[in-house]
PDB file of N, CA and C in Angstrom:
ATOM      1  N   UNK A   1       0.828  -1.169   0.000  1.00  0.00           N
ATOM      2  CA  UNK A   1       0.000   0.000   0.000  1.00  0.00           C
ATOM      3  C   UNK A   1       0.880   1.243   0.000  1.00  0.00           C
ATOM      4  N   UNK A   2       0.380   2.276  -0.673  1.00  0.00           N
ATOM      5  CA  UNK A   2       1.152   3.522  -0.799  1.00  0.00           C
ATOM      6  C   UNK A   2       0.858   4.441   0.371  1.00  0.00           C
ATOM      7  N   UNK A   3       1.892   4.952   1.013  1.00  0.00           N
ATOM      8  CA  UNK A   3       1.739   5.917   2.098  1.00  0.00           C
ATOM      9  C   UNK A   3       2.381   7.220   1.680  1.00  0.00           C
ATOM     10  N   UNK A   4       1.631   8.320   1.841  1.00  0.00           N
ATOM     11  CA  UNK A   4       2.183   9.624   1.482  1.00  0.00           C
ATOM     12  C   UNK A   4       3.002  10.156   2.632  1.00  0.00           C
ATOM     13  N   UNK A   5       3.846  11.123   2.318  1.00  0.00           N
ATOM     14  CA  UNK A   5       4.699  11.719   3.338  1.00  0.00           C
ATOM     15  C   UNK A   5       3.886  12.563   4.298  1.00  0.00           C
ATOM     16  N   UNK A   6       2.819  13.220   3.810  1.00  0.00           N
ATOM     17  CA  UNK A   6       1.988  14.075   4.675  1.00  0.00           C
ATOM     18  C   UNK A   6       0.870  13.246   5.272  1.00  0.00           C
ATOM     19  N   UNK A   7       0.629  13.421   6.542  1.00  0.00           N
ATOM     20  CA  UNK A   7      -0.455  12.646   7.163  1.00  0.00           C
ATOM     21  C   UNK A   7      -1.811  13.096   6.614  1.00  0.00           C
ATOM     22  N   UNK A   8      -2.748  12.174   6.527  1.00  0.00           N
ATOM     23  CA  UNK A   8      -4.064  12.507   5.995  1.00  0.00           C
ATOM     24  C   UNK A   8      -4.903  13.291   7.005  1.00  0.00           C
ATOM     25  N   UNK A   9      -4.659  13.132   8.271  1.00  0.00           N
ATOM     26  CA  UNK A   9      -5.362  13.899   9.307  1.00  0.00           C
ATOM     27  C   UNK A   9      -4.496  15.080   9.722  1.00  0.00           C
ATOM     28  N   UNK A  10      -5.114  16.253   9.886  1.00  0.00           N
ATOM     29  CA  UNK A  10      -4.292  17.393  10.317  1.00  0.00           C
ATOM     30  C   UNK A  10      -3.756  17.140  11.715  1.00  0.00           C
ATOM     31  N   UNK A  11      -2.617  17.712  11.955  1.00  0.00           N
ATOM     32  CA  UNK A  11      -2.024  17.542  13.276  1.00  0.00           C
ATOM     33  C   UNK A  11      -2.844  18.317  14.302  1.00  0.00           C
ATOM     34  N   UNK A  12      -2.648  17.983  15.529  1.00  0.00           N
ATOM     35  CA  UNK A  12      -3.346  18.664  16.614  1.00  0.00           C
ATOM     36  C   UNK A  12      -2.996  20.150  16.609  1.00  0.00           C
ATOM     37  N   UNK A  13      -1.747  20.483  16.362  1.00  0.00           N
ATOM     38  CA  UNK A  13      -1.310  21.878  16.324  1.00  0.00           C
ATOM     39  C   UNK A  13      -2.012  22.638  15.195  1.00  0.00           C
ATOM     40  N   UNK A  14      -2.129  22.040  14.026  1.00  0.00           N
ATOM     41  CA  UNK A  14      -2.818  22.694  12.907  1.00  0.00           C
ATOM     42  C   UNK A  14      -4.288  22.927  13.236  1.00  0.00           C
ATOM     43  N   UNK A  15      -4.914  21.944  13.905  1.00  0.00           N
ATOM     44  CA  UNK A  15      -6.316  22.097  14.291  1.00  0.00           C
ATOM     45  C   UNK A  15      -6.481  23.227  15.305  1.00  0.00           C
ATOM     46  N   UNK A  16      -5.534  23.303  16.234  1.00  0.00           N
ATOM     47  CA  UNK A  16      -5.612  24.383  17.227  1.00  0.00           C
ATOM     48  C   UNK A  16      -5.390  25.753  16.581  1.00  0.00           C
ATOM     49  N   UNK A  17      -4.489  25.832  15.604  1.00  0.00           N
ATOM     50  CA  UNK A  17      -4.271  27.105  14.895  1.00  0.00           C
ATOM     51  C   UNK A  17      -5.530  27.510  14.132  1.00  0.00           C
ATOM     52  N   UNK A  18      -6.176  26.536  13.517  1.00  0.00           N
ATOM     53  CA  UNK A  18      -7.434  26.816  12.818  1.00  0.00           C
ATOM     54  C   UNK A  18      -8.486  27.327  13.794  1.00  0.00           C
ATOM     55  N   UNK A  19      -8.616  26.652  14.922  1.00  0.00           N
ATOM     56  CA  UNK A  19      -9.570  27.073  15.944  1.00  0.00           C
ATOM     57  C   UNK A  19      -9.273  28.495  16.412  1.00  0.00           C
ATOM     58  N   UNK A  20      -8.010  28.803  16.594  1.00  0.00           N
ATOM     59  CA  UNK A  20      -7.604  30.144  17.015  1.00  0.00           C
ATOM     60  C   UNK A  20      -8.062  31.190  16.000  1.00  0.00           C
ATOM     61  N   UNK A  21      -7.870  30.925  14.704  1.00  0.00           N
ATOM     62  CA  UNK A  21      -8.291  31.882  13.657  1.00  0.00           C
ATOM     63  C   UNK A  21      -9.812  32.078  13.674  1.00  0.00           C
ATOM     64  N   UNK A  22     -10.537  31.003  13.841  1.00  0.00           N
ATOM     65  CA  UNK A  22     -11.999  31.085  13.893  1.00  0.00           C
ATOM     66  C   UNK A  22     -12.437  31.916  15.100  1.00  0.00           C
ATOM     67  N   UNK A  23     -11.832  31.671  16.246  1.00  0.00           N
ATOM     68  CA  UNK A  23     -12.206  32.404  17.451  1.00  0.00           C
ATOM     69  C   UNK A  23     -11.818  33.875  17.359  1.00  0.00           C
ATOM     70  N   UNK A  24     -10.676  34.183  16.757  1.00  0.00           N
ATOM     71  CA  UNK A  24     -10.287  35.591  16.572  1.00  0.00           C
ATOM     72  C   UNK A  24     -11.285  36.306  15.671  1.00  0.00           C
ATOM     73  N   UNK A  25     -11.723  35.636  14.603  1.00  0.00           N
ATOM     74  CA  UNK A  25     -12.724  36.214  13.713  1.00  0.00           C
ATOM     75  C   UNK A  25     -14.039  36.450  14.466  1.00  0.00           C
ATOM     76  N   UNK A  26     -14.460  35.455  15.260  1.00  0.00           N
ATOM     77  CA  UNK A  26     -15.690  35.592  16.037  1.00  0.00           C
ATOM     78  C   UNK A  26     -15.567  36.718  17.062  1.00  0.00           C
ATOM     79  N   UNK A  27     -14.416  36.824  17.704  1.00  0.00           N
ATOM     80  CA  UNK A  27     -14.197  37.888  18.678  1.00  0.00           C
ATOM     81  C   UNK A  27     -14.238  39.261  18.009  1.00  0.00           C
ATOM     82  N   UNK A  28     -13.626  39.381  16.830  1.00  0.00           N
ATOM     83  CA  UNK A  28     -13.659  40.652  16.096  1.00  0.00           C
ATOM     84  C   UNK A  28     -15.091  41.022  15.731  1.00  0.00           C
ATOM     85  N   UNK A  29     -15.874  40.034  15.289  1.00  0.00           N
ATOM     86  CA  UNK A  29     -17.276  40.294  14.956  1.00  0.00           C
ATOM     87  C   UNK A  29     -18.056  40.719  16.199  1.00  0.00           C
ATOM     88  N   UNK A  30     -17.845  40.062  17.322  1.00  0.00           N
ATOM     89  CA  UNK A  30     -18.523  40.418  18.568  1.00  0.00           C
ATOM     90  C   UNK A  30     -18.153  41.839  18.996  1.00  0.00           C
ATOM     91  N   UNK A  31     -16.891  42.200  18.852  1.00  0.00           N
ATOM     92  CA  UNK A  31     -16.462  43.559  19.206  1.00  0.00           C
ATOM     93  C   UNK A  31     -17.118  44.599  18.295  1.00  0.00           C
ATOM     94  N   UNK A  32     -17.303  44.269  17.008  1.00  0.00           N
ATOM     95  CA  UNK A  32     -18.021  45.192  16.101  1.00  0.00           C
ATOM     96  C   UNK A  32     -19.469  45.342  16.540  1.00  0.00           C
ATOM     97  N   UNK A  33     -20.094  44.245  16.944  1.00  0.00           N
ATOM     98  CA  UNK A  33     -21.476  44.310  17.432  1.00  0.00           C
ATOM     99  C   UNK A  33     -21.561  45.188  18.676  1.00  0.00           C
ATOM    100  N   UNK A  34     -20.602  45.045  19.569  1.00  0.00           N
ATOM    101  CA  UNK A  34     -20.575  45.866  20.786  1.00  0.00           C
ATOM    102  C   UNK A  34     -20.419  47.337  20.422  1.00  0.00           C
ATOM    103  N   UNK A  35     -19.501  47.655  19.507  1.00  0.00           N
ATOM    104  CA  UNK A  35     -19.307  49.046  19.077  1.00  0.00           C
ATOM    105  C   UNK A  35     -20.577  49.605  18.452  1.00  0.00           C
ATOM    106  N   UNK A  36     -21.249  48.823  17.613  1.00  0.00           N
ATOM    107  CA  UNK A  36     -22.494  49.262  16.987  1.00  0.00           C
ATOM    108  C   UNK A  36     -23.569  49.538  18.038  1.00  0.00           C
ATOM    109  N   UNK A  37     -23.674  48.647  19.005  1.00  0.00           N
ATOM    110  CA  UNK A  37     -24.689  48.819  20.056  1.00  0.00           C
ATOM    111  C   UNK A  37     -24.372  50.030  20.933  1.00  0.00           C
ATOM    112  N   UNK A  38     -23.088  50.249  21.245  1.00  0.00           N
ATOM    113  CA  UNK A  38     -22.698  51.433  22.019  1.00  0.00           C
ATOM    114  C   UNK A  38     -23.024  52.713  21.248  1.00  0.00           C
ATOM    115  N   UNK A  39     -22.800  52.696  19.932  1.00  0.00           N
ATOM    116  CA  UNK A  39     -23.121  53.866  19.104  1.00  0.00           C
ATOM    117  C   UNK A  39     -24.629  54.115  19.103  1.00  0.00           C
ATOM    118  N   UNK A  40     -25.426  53.058  18.927  1.00  0.00           N
ATOM    119  CA  UNK A  40     -26.889  53.221  18.935  1.00  0.00           C
ATOM    120  C   UNK A  40     -27.375  53.754  20.281  1.00  0.00           C
ATOM    121  N   UNK A  41     -26.826  53.238  21.362  1.00  0.00           N
ATOM    122  CA  UNK A  41     -27.233  53.694  22.698  1.00  0.00           C
ATOM    123  C   UNK A  41     -26.853  55.152  22.905  1.00  0.00           C
ATOM    124  N   UNK A  42     -25.670  55.535  22.444  1.00  0.00           N
ATOM    125  CA  UNK A  42     -25.240  56.927  22.549  1.00  0.00           C
ATOM    126  C   UNK A  42     -26.171  57.844  21.757  1.00  0.00           C
ATOM    127  N   UNK A  43     -26.541  57.424  20.553  1.00  0.00           N
ATOM    128  CA  UNK A  43     -27.469  58.215  19.738  1.00  0.00           C
ATOM    129  C   UNK A  43     -28.832  58.316  20.405  1.00  0.00           C
ATOM    130  N   UNK A  44     -29.298  57.213  21.008  1.00  0.00           N
ATOM    131  CA  UNK A  44     -30.587  57.225  21.700  1.00  0.00           C
ATOM    132  C   UNK A  44     -30.567  58.208  22.871  1.00  0.00           C
ATOM    133  N   UNK A  45     -29.481  58.203  23.636  1.00  0.00           N
ATOM    134  CA  UNK A  45     -29.369  59.114  24.783  1.00  0.00           C
ATOM    135  C   UNK A  45     -29.279  60.570  24.326  1.00  0.00           C
ATOM    136  N   UNK A  46     -28.557  60.837  23.225  1.00  0.00           N
ATOM    137  CA  UNK A  46     -28.503  62.197  22.676  1.00  0.00           C
ATOM    138  C   UNK A  46     -29.886  62.656  22.245  1.00  0.00           C
ATOM    139  N   UNK A  47     -30.654  61.743  21.636  1.00  0.00           N
ATOM    140  CA  UNK A  47     -32.011  62.061  21.218  1.00  0.00           C
ATOM    141  C   UNK A  47     -32.912  62.382  22.395  1.00  0.00           C
ATOM    142  N   UNK A  48     -32.787  61.619  23.467  1.00  0.00           N
ATOM    143  CA  UNK A  48     -33.583  61.895  24.668  1.00  0.00           C
ATOM    144  C   UNK A  48     -33.219  63.241  25.278  1.00  0.00           C
ATOM    145  N   UNK A  49     -31.929  63.559  25.296  1.00  0.00           N
ATOM    146  CA  UNK A  49     -31.485  64.825  25.880  1.00  0.00           C
ATOM    147  C   UNK A  49     -31.947  66.010  25.034  1.00  0.00           C
ATOM    148  N   UNK A  50     -32.066  65.814  23.719  1.00  0.00           N
ATOM    149  CA  UNK A  50     -32.463  66.910  22.829  1.00  0.00           C
ATOM    150  C   UNK A  50     -33.977  67.064  22.736  1.00  0.00           C
ATOM    151  N   UNK A  51     -34.723  66.110  23.260  1.00  0.00           N
ATOM    152  CA  UNK A  51     -36.185  66.157  23.185  1.00  0.00           C
ATOM    153  C   UNK A  51     -36.714  67.340  24.000  1.00  0.00           C
ATOM    154  N   UNK A  52     -37.656  68.083  23.448  1.00  0.00           N
ATOM    155  CA  UNK A  52     -38.221  69.188  24.219  1.00  0.00           C
ATOM    156  C   UNK A  52     -38.989  68.649  25.426  1.00  0.00           C
ATOM    157  N   UNK A  53     -39.103  69.446  26.471  1.00  0.00           N
ATOM    158  CA  UNK A  53     -39.818  68.965  27.655  1.00  0.00           C
ATOM    159  C   UNK A  53     -41.296  68.730  27.340  1.00  0.00           C
ATOM    160  N   UNK A  54     -41.871  67.798  28.045  1.00  0.00           N
ATOM    161  CA  UNK A  54     -43.292  67.505  27.863  1.00  0.00           C
ATOM    162  C   UNK A  54     -44.116  68.704  28.344  1.00  0.00           C
ATOM    163  N   UNK A  55     -45.224  68.991  27.670  1.00  0.00           N
ATOM    164  CA  UNK A  55     -46.062  70.109  28.102  1.00  0.00           C
ATOM    165  C   UNK A  55     -46.742  69.791  29.427  1.00  0.00           C
ATOM    166  N   UNK A  56     -47.079  70.836  30.152  1.00  0.00           N
ATOM    167  CA  UNK A  56     -47.780  70.658  31.426  1.00  0.00           C
ATOM    168  C   UNK A  56     -49.257  70.348  31.212  1.00  0.00           C
ATOM    169  N   UNK A  57     -49.814  70.837  30.102  1.00  0.00           N
ATOM    170  CA  UNK A  57     -51.243  70.686  29.830  1.00  0.00           C
ATOM    171  C   UNK A  57     -51.449  70.312  28.374  1.00  0.00           C
ATOM    172  N   UNK A  58     -52.509  69.560  28.112  1.00  0.00           N
ATOM    173  CA  UNK A  58     -52.833  69.121  26.757  1.00  0.00           C
ATOM    174  C   UNK A  58     -54.297  69.400  26.461  1.00  0.00           C
ATOM    175  N   UNK A  59     -54.576  69.689  25.204  1.00  0.00           N
ATOM    176  CA  UNK A  59     -55.963  69.747  24.740  1.00  0.00           C
ATOM    177  C   UNK A  59     -56.091  68.695  23.659  1.00  0.00           C
ATOM    178  N   UNK A  60     -57.059  67.804  23.834  1.00  0.00           N
ATOM    179  CA  UNK A  60     -57.305  66.746  22.861  1.00  0.00           C
ATOM    180  C   UNK A  60     -58.361  67.222  21.880  1.00  0.00           C
ATOM    181  N   UNK A  61     -57.958  67.296  20.619  1.00  0.00           N
ATOM    182  CA  UNK A  61     -58.859  67.755  19.564  1.00  0.00           C
ATOM    183  C   UNK A  61     -59.811  66.639  19.162  1.00  0.00           C
ATOM    184  N   UNK A  62     -60.980  67.024  18.639  1.00  0.00           N
ATOM    185  CA  UNK A  62     -61.933  66.034  18.135  1.00  0.00           C
ATOM    186  C   UNK A  62     -61.570  65.668  16.705  1.00  0.00           C
ATOM    187  N   UNK A  63     -62.293  64.737  16.136  1.00  0.00           N
ATOM    188  CA  UNK A  63     -61.979  64.248  14.799  1.00  0.00           C
ATOM    189  C   UNK A  63     -62.278  65.251  13.692  1.00  0.00           C
ATOM    190  N   UNK A  64     -63.406  65.943  13.767  1.00  0.00           N
ATOM    191  CA  UNK A  64     -63.816  66.816  12.685  1.00  0.00           C
ATOM    192  C   UNK A  64     -63.193  68.194  12.753  1.00  0.00           C
ATOM    193  N   UNK A  65     -63.039  68.795  11.594  1.00  0.00           N
ATOM    194  CA  UNK A  65     -62.539  70.179  11.551  1.00  0.00           C
ATOM    195  C   UNK A  65     -63.614  71.122  12.067  1.00  0.00           C
ATOM    196  N   UNK A  66     -63.183  72.105  12.798  1.00  0.00           N
ATOM    197  CA  UNK A  66     -64.108  73.104  13.296  1.00  0.00           C
ATOM    198  C   UNK A  66     -64.960  72.642  14.464  1.00  0.00           C
ATOM    199  N   UNK A  67     -64.755  71.429  14.938  1.00  0.00           N
ATOM    200  CA  UNK A  67     -65.508  70.948  16.100  1.00  0.00           C
ATOM    201  C   UNK A  67     -64.710  71.254  17.358  1.00  0.00           C
ATOM    202  N   UNK A  68     -65.401  71.433  18.462  1.00  0.00           N
ATOM    203  CA  UNK A  68     -64.687  71.800  19.697  1.00  0.00           C
ATOM    204  C   UNK A  68     -63.805  70.663  20.202  1.00  0.00           C
ATOM    205  N   UNK A  69     -62.787  71.002  20.984  1.00  0.00           N
ATOM    206  CA  UNK A  69     -61.922  69.967  21.570  1.00  0.00           C
ATOM    207  C   UNK A  69     -62.717  69.019  22.457  1.00  0.00           C
ATOM    208  N   UNK A  70     -62.148  67.847  22.693  1.00  0.00           N
ATOM    209  CA  UNK A  70     -62.818  66.807  23.473  1.00  0.00           C
ATOM    210  C   UNK A  70     -62.508  66.940  24.960  1.00  0.00           C
ATOM    211  N   UNK A  71     -61.220  67.031  25.292  1.00  0.00           N
ATOM    212  CA  UNK A  71     -60.802  67.046  26.701  1.00  0.00           C
ATOM    213  C   UNK A  71     -59.622  67.979  26.916  1.00  0.00           C
ATOM    214  N   UNK A  72     -59.504  68.405  28.166  1.00  0.00           N
ATOM    215  CA  UNK A  72     -58.280  69.032  28.670  1.00  0.00           C
ATOM    216  C   UNK A  72     -57.625  67.967  29.542  1.00  0.00           C
ATOM    217  N   UNK A  73     -56.325  67.759  29.348  1.00  0.00           N
ATOM    218  CA  UNK A  73     -55.573  66.742  30.108  1.00  0.00           C
ATOM    219  C   UNK A  73     -54.379  67.391  30.798  1.00  0.00           C
ATOM    220  N   UNK A  74     -53.913  66.746  31.855  1.00  0.00           N
ATOM    221  CA  UNK A  74     -52.599  67.074  32.401  1.00  0.00           C
ATOM    222  C   UNK A  74     -51.554  66.568  31.421  1.00  0.00           C
ATOM    223  N   UNK A  75     -50.386  67.174  31.403  1.00  0.00           N
ATOM    224  CA  UNK A  75     -49.362  66.829  30.426  1.00  0.00           C
ATOM    225  C   UNK A  75     -48.887  65.398  30.484  1.00  0.00           C
ATOM    226  N   UNK A  76     -49.016  64.739  31.614  1.00  0.00           N
ATOM    227  CA  UNK A  76     -48.542  63.356  31.738  1.00  0.00           C
ATOM    228  C   UNK A  76     -49.681  62.342  31.759  1.00  0.00           C
ATOM    229  N   UNK A  77     -50.874  62.754  31.329  1.00  0.00           N
ATOM    230  CA  UNK A  77     -52.040  61.863  31.368  1.00  0.00           C
ATOM    231  C   UNK A  77     -51.881  60.727  30.360  1.00  0.00           C
ATOM    232  N   UNK A  78     -52.053  59.514  30.830  1.00  0.00           N
ATOM    233  CA  UNK A  78     -51.929  58.341  29.956  1.00  0.00           C
ATOM    234  C   UNK A  78     -53.144  58.162  29.051  1.00  0.00           C
ATOM    235  N   UNK A  79     -54.206  58.906  29.300  1.00  0.00           N
ATOM    236  CA  UNK A  79     -55.424  58.782  28.500  1.00  0.00           C
ATOM    237  C   UNK A  79     -55.480  59.792  27.350  1.00  0.00           C
ATOM    238  N   UNK A  80     -54.519  60.692  27.277  1.00  0.00           N
ATOM    239  CA  UNK A  80     -54.520  61.691  26.204  1.00  0.00           C
ATOM    240  C   UNK A  80     -54.353  60.980  24.864  1.00  0.00           C
ATOM    241  N   UNK A  81     -55.181  61.354  23.908  1.00  0.00           N
ATOM    242  CA  UNK A  81     -55.142  60.730  22.597  1.00  0.00           C
ATOM    243  C   UNK A  81     -54.049  61.305  21.712  1.00  0.00           C
ATOM    244  N   UNK A  82     -53.918  60.731  20.519  1.00  0.00           N
ATOM    245  CA  UNK A  82     -52.884  61.163  19.581  1.00  0.00           C
ATOM    246  C   UNK A  82     -53.168  62.542  19.004  1.00  0.00           C
ATOM    247  N   UNK A  83     -54.373  62.991  19.106  1.00  0.00           N
ATOM    248  CA  UNK A  83     -54.722  64.309  18.566  1.00  0.00           C
ATOM    249  C   UNK A  83     -54.562  65.404  19.620  1.00  0.00           C
ATOM    250  N   UNK A  84     -53.745  65.156  20.622  1.00  0.00           N
ATOM    251  CA  UNK A  84     -53.537  66.130  21.701  1.00  0.00           C
ATOM    252  C   UNK A  84     -52.375  67.044  21.363  1.00  0.00           C
ATOM    253  N   UNK A  85     -52.472  68.279  21.805  1.00  0.00           N
ATOM    254  CA  UNK A  85     -51.390  69.249  21.604  1.00  0.00           C
ATOM    255  C   UNK A  85     -51.122  69.947  22.930  1.00  0.00           C
ATOM    256  N   UNK A  86     -49.879  70.327  23.118  1.00  0.00           N
ATOM    257  CA  UNK A  86     -49.486  71.011  24.342  1.00  0.00           C
ATOM    258  C   UNK A  86     -50.001  72.440  24.359  1.00  0.00           C
ATOM    259  N   UNK A  87     -50.438  72.870  25.532  1.00  0.00           N
ATOM    260  CA  UNK A  87     -50.928  74.239  25.694  1.00  0.00           C
ATOM    261  C   UNK A  87     -50.397  74.818  27.005  1.00  0.00           C
ATOM    262  N   UNK A  88     -50.525  76.122  27.132  1.00  0.00           N
ATOM    263  CA  UNK A  88     -50.121  76.793  28.370  1.00  0.00           C
ATOM    264  C   UNK A  88     -51.198  76.616  29.431  1.00  0.00           C
ATOM    265  N   UNK A  89     -50.861  76.967  30.630  1.00  0.00           N
ATOM    266  CA  UNK A  89     -51.823  76.916  31.736  1.00  0.00           C
ATOM    267  C   UNK A  89     -53.033  77.790  31.420  1.00  0.00           C
ATOM    268  N   UNK A  90     -52.770  78.984  30.905  1.00  0.00           N
ATOM    269  CA  UNK A  90     -53.863  79.914  30.601  1.00  0.00           C
ATOM    270  C   UNK A  90     -54.793  79.338  29.535  1.00  0.00           C
ATOM    271  N   UNK A  91     -54.228  78.706  28.512  1.00  0.00           N
ATOM    272  CA  UNK A  91     -55.063  78.100  27.471  1.00  0.00           C
ATOM    273  C   UNK A  91     -55.895  76.945  28.029  1.00  0.00           C
ATOM    274  N   UNK A  92     -55.324  76.170  28.930  1.00  0.00           N
ATOM    275  CA  UNK A  92     -56.067  75.065  29.546  1.00  0.00           C
ATOM    276  C   UNK A  92     -57.223  75.602  30.380  1.00  0.00           C
ATOM    277  N   UNK A  93     -56.974  76.649  31.174  1.00  0.00           N
ATOM    278  CA  UNK A  93     -58.039  77.243  31.995  1.00  0.00           C
ATOM    279  C   UNK A  93     -59.121  77.831  31.090  1.00  0.00           C
ATOM    280  N   UNK A  94     -58.699  78.508  30.025  1.00  0.00           N
ATOM    281  CA  UNK A  94     -59.675  79.100  29.093  1.00  0.00           C
ATOM    282  C   UNK A  94     -60.534  78.011  28.461  1.00  0.00           C
ATOM    283  N   UNK A  95     -59.918  76.888  28.072  1.00  0.00           N
ATOM    284  CA  UNK A  95     -60.679  75.788  27.472  1.00  0.00           C
ATOM    285  C   UNK A  95     -61.702  75.238  28.461  1.00  0.00           C
ATOM    286  N   UNK A  96     -61.304  75.089  29.713  1.00  0.00           N
ATOM    287  CA  UNK A  96     -62.260  74.616  30.728  1.00  0.00           C
ATOM    288  C   UNK A  96     -63.395  75.622  30.907  1.00  0.00           C
ATOM    289  N   UNK A  97     -63.072  76.906  30.875  1.00  0.00           N
ATOM    290  CA  UNK A  97     -64.102  77.944  31.008  1.00  0.00           C
ATOM    291  C   UNK A  97     -65.046  77.942  29.803  1.00  0.00           C
ATOM    292  N   UNK A  98     -64.545  77.497  28.653  1.00  0.00           N
ATOM    293  CA  UNK A  98     -65.357  77.425  27.443  1.00  0.00           C
ATOM    294  C   UNK A  98     -66.072  76.079  27.324  1.00  0.00           C
ATOM    295  N   UNK A  99     -66.151  75.352  28.408  1.00  0.00           N
ATOM    296  CA  UNK A  99     -66.899  74.103  28.533  1.00  0.00           C
ATOM    297  C   UNK A  99     -66.263  72.893  27.842  1.00  0.00           C
ATOM    298  N   UNK A 100     -64.932  72.925  27.632  1.00  0.00           N
ATOM    299  CA  UNK A 100     -64.253  71.707  27.198  1.00  0.00           C
ATOM    300  C   UNK A 100     -64.142  70.831  28.443  1.00  0.00           C
ATOM    301  N   UNK A 101     -64.503  69.560  28.300  1.00  0.00           N
ATOM    302  CA  UNK A 101     -64.520  68.680  29.468  1.00  0.00           C
ATOM    303  C   UNK A 101     -63.118  68.421  30.013  1.00  0.00           C
ATOM    304  N   UNK A 102     -63.049  68.291  31.320  1.00  0.00           N
ATOM    305  CA  UNK A 102     -61.803  67.889  31.966  1.00  0.00           C
ATOM    306  C   UNK A 102     -61.694  66.371  31.904  1.00  0.00           C
ATOM    307  N   UNK A 103     -60.532  65.866  31.649  1.00  0.00           N
ATOM    308  CA  UNK A 103     -60.314  64.420  31.603  1.00  0.00           C
ATOM    309  C   UNK A 103     -60.714  63.827  32.961  1.00  0.00           C
ATOM    310  N   UNK A 104     -61.568  62.805  32.960  1.00  0.00           N
ATOM    311  CA  UNK A 104     -61.994  62.213  34.232  1.00  0.00           C
ATOM    312  C   UNK A 104     -60.901  61.378  34.910  1.00  0.00           C
ATOM    313  N   UNK A 105     -59.804  61.121  34.204  1.00  0.00           N
ATOM    314  CA  UNK A 105     -58.727  60.316  34.790  1.00  0.00           C
ATOM    315  C   UNK A 105     -57.696  61.178  35.518  1.00  0.00           C
ATOM    316  N   UNK A 106     -57.245  62.248  34.862  1.00  0.00           N
ATOM    317  CA  UNK A 106     -56.176  63.056  35.473  1.00  0.00           C
ATOM    318  C   UNK A 106     -56.717  64.300  36.173  1.00  0.00           C
ATOM    319  N   UNK A 107     -57.966  64.634  35.962  1.00  0.00           N
ATOM    320  CA  UNK A 107     -58.659  65.758  36.621  1.00  0.00           C
ATOM    321  C   UNK A 107     -57.856  67.067  36.570  1.00  0.00           C
ATOM    322  N   UNK A 108     -57.604  67.601  35.373  1.00  0.00           N
ATOM    323  CA  UNK A 108     -56.851  68.843  35.275  1.00  0.00           C
ATOM    324  C   UNK A 108     -57.587  70.038  35.878  1.00  0.00           C
ATOM    325  N   UNK A 109     -58.924  69.971  35.943  1.00  0.00           N
ATOM    326  CA  UNK A 109     -59.674  71.071  36.557  1.00  0.00           C
ATOM    327  C   UNK A 109     -59.305  71.214  38.024  1.00  0.00           C
ATOM    328  N   UNK A 110     -59.128  70.086  38.711  1.00  0.00           N
ATOM    329  CA  UNK A 110     -58.707  70.128  40.112  1.00  0.00           C
ATOM    330  C   UNK A 110     -57.278  70.631  40.226  1.00  0.00           C
ATOM    331  N   UNK A 111     -56.398  70.137  39.345  1.00  0.00           N
ATOM    332  CA  UNK A 111     -55.005  70.549  39.389  1.00  0.00           C
ATOM    333  C   UNK A 111     -54.847  72.042  39.071  1.00  0.00           C
ATOM    334  N   UNK A 112     -55.708  72.548  38.208  1.00  0.00           N
ATOM    335  CA  UNK A 112     -55.643  73.962  37.838  1.00  0.00           C
ATOM    336  C   UNK A 112     -56.386  74.862  38.814  1.00  0.00           C
ATOM    337  N   UNK A 113     -57.107  74.269  39.736  1.00  0.00           N
ATOM    338  CA  UNK A 113     -57.891  75.064  40.677  1.00  0.00           C
ATOM    339  C   UNK A 113     -59.094  75.706  40.008  1.00  0.00           C
ATOM    340  N   UNK A 114     -59.572  75.072  38.932  1.00  0.00           N
ATOM    341  CA  UNK A 114     -60.693  75.621  38.179  1.00  0.00           C
ATOM    342  C   UNK A 114     -61.995  75.237  38.861  1.00  0.00           C
ATOM    343  N   UNK A 115     -62.758  76.243  39.195  1.00  0.00           N
ATOM    344  CA  UNK A 115     -64.068  76.009  39.792  1.00  0.00           C
ATOM    345  C   UNK A 115     -65.110  76.583  38.839  1.00  0.00           C
ATOM    346  N   UNK A 116     -66.015  75.733  38.413  1.00  0.00           N
ATOM    347  CA  UNK A 116     -67.030  76.143  37.439  1.00  0.00           C
ATOM    348  C   UNK A 116     -68.079  77.025  38.077  1.00  0.00           C
TER     349      UNK A 116
END
């Protein structure tokens, strides 16, 4: 039978060198993922810092044009709809005086000291 000079199975050292190259490649990829995630987190934090402050008061508009607003809300009310816009304290009080309903959840009329 013919035997070649080179062994048909790689040596243990060659296998370990191969494993080392694979692990270095995987480590480099993991480090790129970490850098990407750190960049995204940094951008997210910059975006939060640049965000304007939440309004103290909201007026929720109705669906139709020219129809009166639906509710006055506190600025942090979880029930405020997507059609809400930030307003000043004076605008919120004026809306309540003009018979726009106060949100029954956050009770801005009580917070504003509005007595009908």
